[in-house]
Amino acid sequence: MKNDNIEQTIRRTRSYWYVDGLWETGYGCLFTVMGFLLYLQVAIPQESNLADFLEYGFLVVIIALIVLINWGVRKAKEQLTYPRTGMVTYRRDQMSARTWLLAALIAAVSILAGSVLVALVQVWEPALESIPLFVGFTGAAIMLFVAYPTRLKRFYLLAVYSILSGLALTWADITGMTLLGVYFMLLGIGLVISGGITLWNYLSQISSAQEIPNEI
């Protein structure tokens, strides 16, 4: 019984970081921008300077956005969350490790997807149509990475949404990098909507410094 109480306290502490939906909103913006940049790589003339920048600077832009979003989320929490429900202090090494592990997973999705795209197009071009399903499961794994230790139901729903988005795009009449870009934009929009609803619900329930909702 005592261990159950300790485990529940740890889970509530971890879930507090996601209580206001700001993390989803920030990383939803990241995925949306990532998808748009992937789409631009196909849409713009390949001989343009912008095409060269997107080809060689894509990863740098994504890493810079991750750093900016992490900073922005913390600043937003200082303005919106902590004045209402207080601040939970984490051990810096644990929180930093978890934050950068998430960032590494997100970067790995883009790198791995791009590598698989290049390999498959050289071997069997029609196989590109299955890439969104593969990325859909990878995106779902990231959502489950957040969902499992926090037990927040909305992240399980986002994992399902990621898989369904990838599945739907395998049947769409688009291919290659455009298809991959559309997937990331869909995932990003889903995260922004989830974060917006969560933030609205959080602010509507708490007027000053009241109790912290466990789940949505």
Protein backbone atom coordinates (compact mmCIF):
# COMPACT_ATOMS: atom_id res chain seq x y z
CA MET A 1 0.00 0.00 0.00
CA LYS A 2 2.84 2.37 0.88
CA ASN A 3 4.61 1.61 -2.40
CA ASP A 4 1.38 2.28 -4.30
CA ASN A 5 1.10 5.70 -2.67
CA ILE A 6 4.71 6.52 -3.53
CA GLU A 7 4.20 5.40 -7.13
CA GLN A 8 1.05 7.49 -7.41
CA THR A 9 2.87 10.54 -6.04
CA ILE A 10 5.69 10.09 -8.57
CA ARG A 11 3.15 9.75 -11.39
CA ARG A 12 1.30 12.90 -10.32
CA THR A 13 4.60 14.79 -10.16
CA ARG A 14 5.54 13.70 -13.68
CA SER A 15 2.09 14.46 -15.07
CA TYR A 16 2.20 18.01 -13.69
CA TRP A 17 4.60 19.03 -16.45
CA TYR A 18 1.84 18.23 -18.98
CA VAL A 19 -1.12 19.52 -16.97
CA ASP A 20 -1.51 22.77 -18.92
CA GLY A 21 -1.10 21.45 -22.49
CA LEU A 22 1.81 23.81 -23.22
CA TRP A 23 4.20 20.97 -24.07
CA GLU A 24 1.79 19.60 -26.69
CA THR A 25 1.19 23.04 -28.13
CA GLY A 26 4.91 23.74 -28.43
CA TYR A 27 5.86 20.42 -29.96
CA GLY A 28 2.75 20.49 -32.12
CA CYS A 29 4.13 23.69 -33.63
CA LEU A 30 7.47 21.93 -34.09
CA PHE A 31 5.93 19.01 -36.00
CA THR A 32 3.83 21.38 -38.10
CA VAL A 33 6.89 23.41 -39.10
CA MET A 34 8.85 20.19 -39.73
CA GLY A 35 6.11 18.94 -42.05
CA PHE A 36 5.91 22.27 -43.86
CA LEU A 37 9.69 22.30 -44.43
CA LEU A 38 9.55 18.75 -45.81
CA TYR A 39 6.74 19.80 -48.12
CA LEU A 40 8.74 22.84 -49.28
CA GLN A 41 11.63 20.59 -50.30
CA VAL A 42 9.35 19.20 -53.00
CA ALA A 43 7.29 22.28 -53.81
CA ILE A 44 10.08 24.79 -54.52
CA PRO A 45 12.49 24.70 -57.49
CA GLN A 46 15.35 22.34 -56.71
CA GLU A 47 17.97 24.74 -58.08
CA SER A 48 16.98 27.55 -55.70
CA ASN A 49 19.05 28.70 -52.72
CA LEU A 50 16.17 27.86 -50.39
CA ALA A 51 16.18 24.26 -51.62
CA ASP A 52 19.89 23.99 -50.85
CA PHE A 53 19.33 25.46 -47.39
CA LEU A 54 16.50 23.02 -46.64
CA GLU A 55 18.56 20.07 -47.81
CA TYR A 56 21.65 20.83 -45.75
CA GLY A 57 20.23 22.92 -42.91
CA PHE A 58 17.05 21.00 -42.09
CA LEU A 59 18.44 19.24 -39.01
CA VAL A 60 20.03 22.46 -37.70
CA VAL A 61 16.68 24.25 -37.99
CA ILE A 62 14.87 21.45 -36.14
CA ILE A 63 17.42 21.39 -33.29
CA ALA A 64 17.22 25.18 -32.99
CA LEU A 65 13.41 24.97 -32.85
CA ILE A 66 13.57 22.29 -30.13
CA VAL A 67 15.81 24.52 -27.99
CA LEU A 68 13.54 27.53 -28.63
CA ILE A 69 10.36 25.58 -27.84
CA ASN A 70 11.76 24.14 -24.60
CA TRP A 71 12.67 27.69 -23.54
CA GLY A 72 9.29 29.04 -24.61
CA VAL A 73 7.33 26.34 -22.76
CA ARG A 74 9.20 27.07 -19.53
CA LYS A 75 8.61 30.81 -19.89
CA ALA A 76 4.92 30.25 -20.61
CA LYS A 77 4.61 28.06 -17.53
CA GLU A 78 6.16 30.83 -15.44
CA GLN A 79 3.40 33.16 -16.64
CA LEU A 80 0.37 30.83 -16.78
CA THR A 81 0.90 27.72 -14.68
CA TYR A 82 3.14 28.36 -11.69
CA PRO A 83 1.25 31.46 -10.45
CA ARG A 84 -1.96 29.37 -10.36
CA THR A 85 -0.92 25.94 -9.12
CA GLY A 86 2.63 26.39 -7.89
CA MET A 87 5.89 25.00 -9.16
CA VAL A 88 7.06 21.42 -8.82
CA THR A 89 10.86 21.26 -8.59
CA TYR A 90 12.49 18.31 -10.36
CA ARG A 91 16.01 17.06 -10.02
CA ARG A 92 17.80 18.87 -12.83
CA ASP A 93 19.67 15.81 -14.10
CA GLN A 94 16.50 13.69 -14.35
CA MET A 95 14.39 16.38 -15.99
CA SER A 96 17.13 17.42 -18.41
CA ALA A 97 17.78 13.82 -19.39
CA ARG A 98 14.09 13.23 -20.08
CA THR A 99 13.71 16.46 -22.06
CA TRP A 100 16.70 15.75 -24.25
CA LEU A 101 15.70 12.12 -24.70
CA LEU A 102 12.37 13.33 -26.11
CA ALA A 103 14.23 15.78 -28.33
CA ALA A 104 16.53 12.99 -29.51
CA LEU A 105 13.55 10.79 -30.34
CA ILE A 106 11.96 13.57 -32.37
CA ALA A 107 15.20 14.23 -34.24
CA ALA A 108 15.61 10.49 -34.79
CA VAL A 109 12.17 10.29 -36.41
CA SER A 110 13.09 12.85 -39.05
CA ILE A 111 16.57 11.40 -39.67
CA LEU A 112 15.39 7.79 -39.80
CA ALA A 113 12.41 8.58 -41.99
CA GLY A 114 14.61 10.51 -44.40
CA SER A 115 17.17 7.70 -44.52
CA VAL A 116 14.51 5.07 -45.14
CA LEU A 117 12.99 7.24 -47.88
CA VAL A 118 16.33 7.48 -49.69
CA ALA A 119 17.03 3.75 -49.34
CA LEU A 120 13.59 2.64 -50.48
CA VAL A 121 13.38 4.93 -53.48
CA GLN A 122 16.56 3.34 -54.80
CA VAL A 123 15.24 -0.19 -54.35
CA TRP A 124 11.49 -0.05 -54.87
CA GLU A 125 9.74 3.26 -55.40
CA PRO A 126 6.16 2.07 -54.63
CA ALA A 127 7.35 1.15 -51.12
CA LEU A 128 7.46 4.86 -50.33
CA GLU A 129 3.71 4.72 -49.83
CA SER A 130 4.20 2.72 -46.62
CA ILE A 131 6.54 5.28 -45.06
CA PRO A 132 3.76 7.32 -43.37
CA LEU A 133 2.52 4.18 -41.62
CA PHE A 134 6.04 3.50 -40.38
CA VAL A 135 6.41 7.09 -39.17
CA GLY A 136 2.89 6.92 -37.70
CA PHE A 137 3.97 4.06 -35.45
CA THR A 138 7.19 5.91 -34.57
CA GLY A 139 5.19 9.03 -33.63
CA ALA A 140 2.88 6.82 -31.59
CA ALA A 141 5.91 5.45 -29.74
CA ILE A 142 6.88 9.01 -28.75
CA MET A 143 3.35 9.65 -27.44
CA LEU A 144 3.44 6.38 -25.49
CA PHE A 145 6.82 7.40 -24.04
CA VAL A 146 4.96 10.32 -22.43
CA ALA A 147 1.74 8.41 -21.71
CA TYR A 148 3.15 5.42 -19.84
CA PRO A 149 4.85 7.14 -16.87
CA THR A 150 2.10 9.79 -16.53
CA ARG A 151 -1.01 7.66 -17.36
CA LEU A 152 -2.54 10.68 -19.12
CA LYS A 153 -5.24 9.32 -21.39
CA ARG A 154 -4.97 12.02 -24.02
CA PHE A 155 -1.48 10.83 -24.98
CA TYR A 156 -2.81 7.33 -25.63
CA LEU A 157 -5.42 8.94 -27.89
CA LEU A 158 -2.68 10.92 -29.63
CA ALA A 159 -0.76 7.68 -30.22
CA VAL A 160 -3.84 6.19 -31.89
CA TYR A 161 -4.31 9.41 -33.88
CA SER A 162 -0.69 9.19 -35.10
CA ILE A 163 -1.18 5.63 -36.34
CA LEU A 164 -4.51 6.46 -38.01
CA SER A 165 -2.97 9.50 -39.71
CA GLY A 166 -0.17 7.37 -41.12
CA LEU A 167 -2.63 4.67 -42.20
CA ALA A 168 -4.91 7.18 -43.94
CA LEU A 169 -2.00 8.74 -45.83
CA THR A 170 -0.89 5.39 -47.22
CA TRP A 171 -4.15 5.47 -49.20
CA ALA A 172 -3.86 9.12 -50.22
CA ASP A 173 -2.98 10.13 -53.77
CA ILE A 174 0.33 11.74 -52.75
CA THR A 175 3.81 10.28 -52.60
CA GLY A 176 7.37 10.82 -51.44
CA MET A 177 8.46 13.75 -49.31
CA THR A 178 5.12 15.52 -49.80
CA LEU A 179 3.33 12.62 -48.15
CA LEU A 180 5.78 12.62 -45.25
CA GLY A 181 5.39 16.37 -44.83
CA VAL A 182 1.61 16.11 -44.72
CA TYR A 183 1.88 13.44 -42.01
CA PHE A 184 4.00 15.65 -39.76
CA MET A 185 1.64 18.58 -40.30
CA LEU A 186 -1.33 16.39 -39.34
CA LEU A 187 0.46 15.18 -36.22
CA GLY A 188 1.42 18.73 -35.31
CA ILE A 189 -2.12 20.02 -35.74
CA GLY A 190 -3.42 17.18 -33.57
CA LEU A 191 -0.95 18.08 -30.82
CA VAL A 192 -1.82 21.78 -31.01
CA ILE A 193 -5.55 21.00 -30.75
CA SER A 194 -4.94 18.65 -27.81
CA GLY A 195 -2.74 21.23 -26.08
CA GLY A 196 -5.24 24.03 -26.72
CA ILE A 197 -8.14 22.05 -25.27
CA THR A 198 -6.02 21.03 -22.27
CA LEU A 199 -4.93 24.62 -21.63
CA TRP A 200 -8.51 25.91 -21.92
CA ASN A 201 -9.72 23.23 -19.51
CA TYR A 202 -6.86 23.96 -17.09
CA LEU A 203 -7.49 27.71 -17.02
CA SER A 204 -11.26 27.29 -16.73
CA GLN A 205 -10.93 24.98 -13.71
CA ILE A 206 -8.36 27.00 -11.80
CA SER A 207 -8.86 30.64 -10.92
CA SER A 208 -5.84 31.19 -8.66
CA ALA A 209 -3.97 28.33 -6.99
CA GLN A 210 -6.40 25.46 -6.65
CA GLU A 211 -6.04 21.72 -7.08
CA ILE A 212 -4.15 20.23 -10.04
CA PRO A 213 -6.23 18.06 -12.41
CA ASN A 214 -4.73 14.61 -12.90
CA GLU A 215 -6.04 13.79 -16.34
CA ILE A 216 -8.14 15.02 -19.17
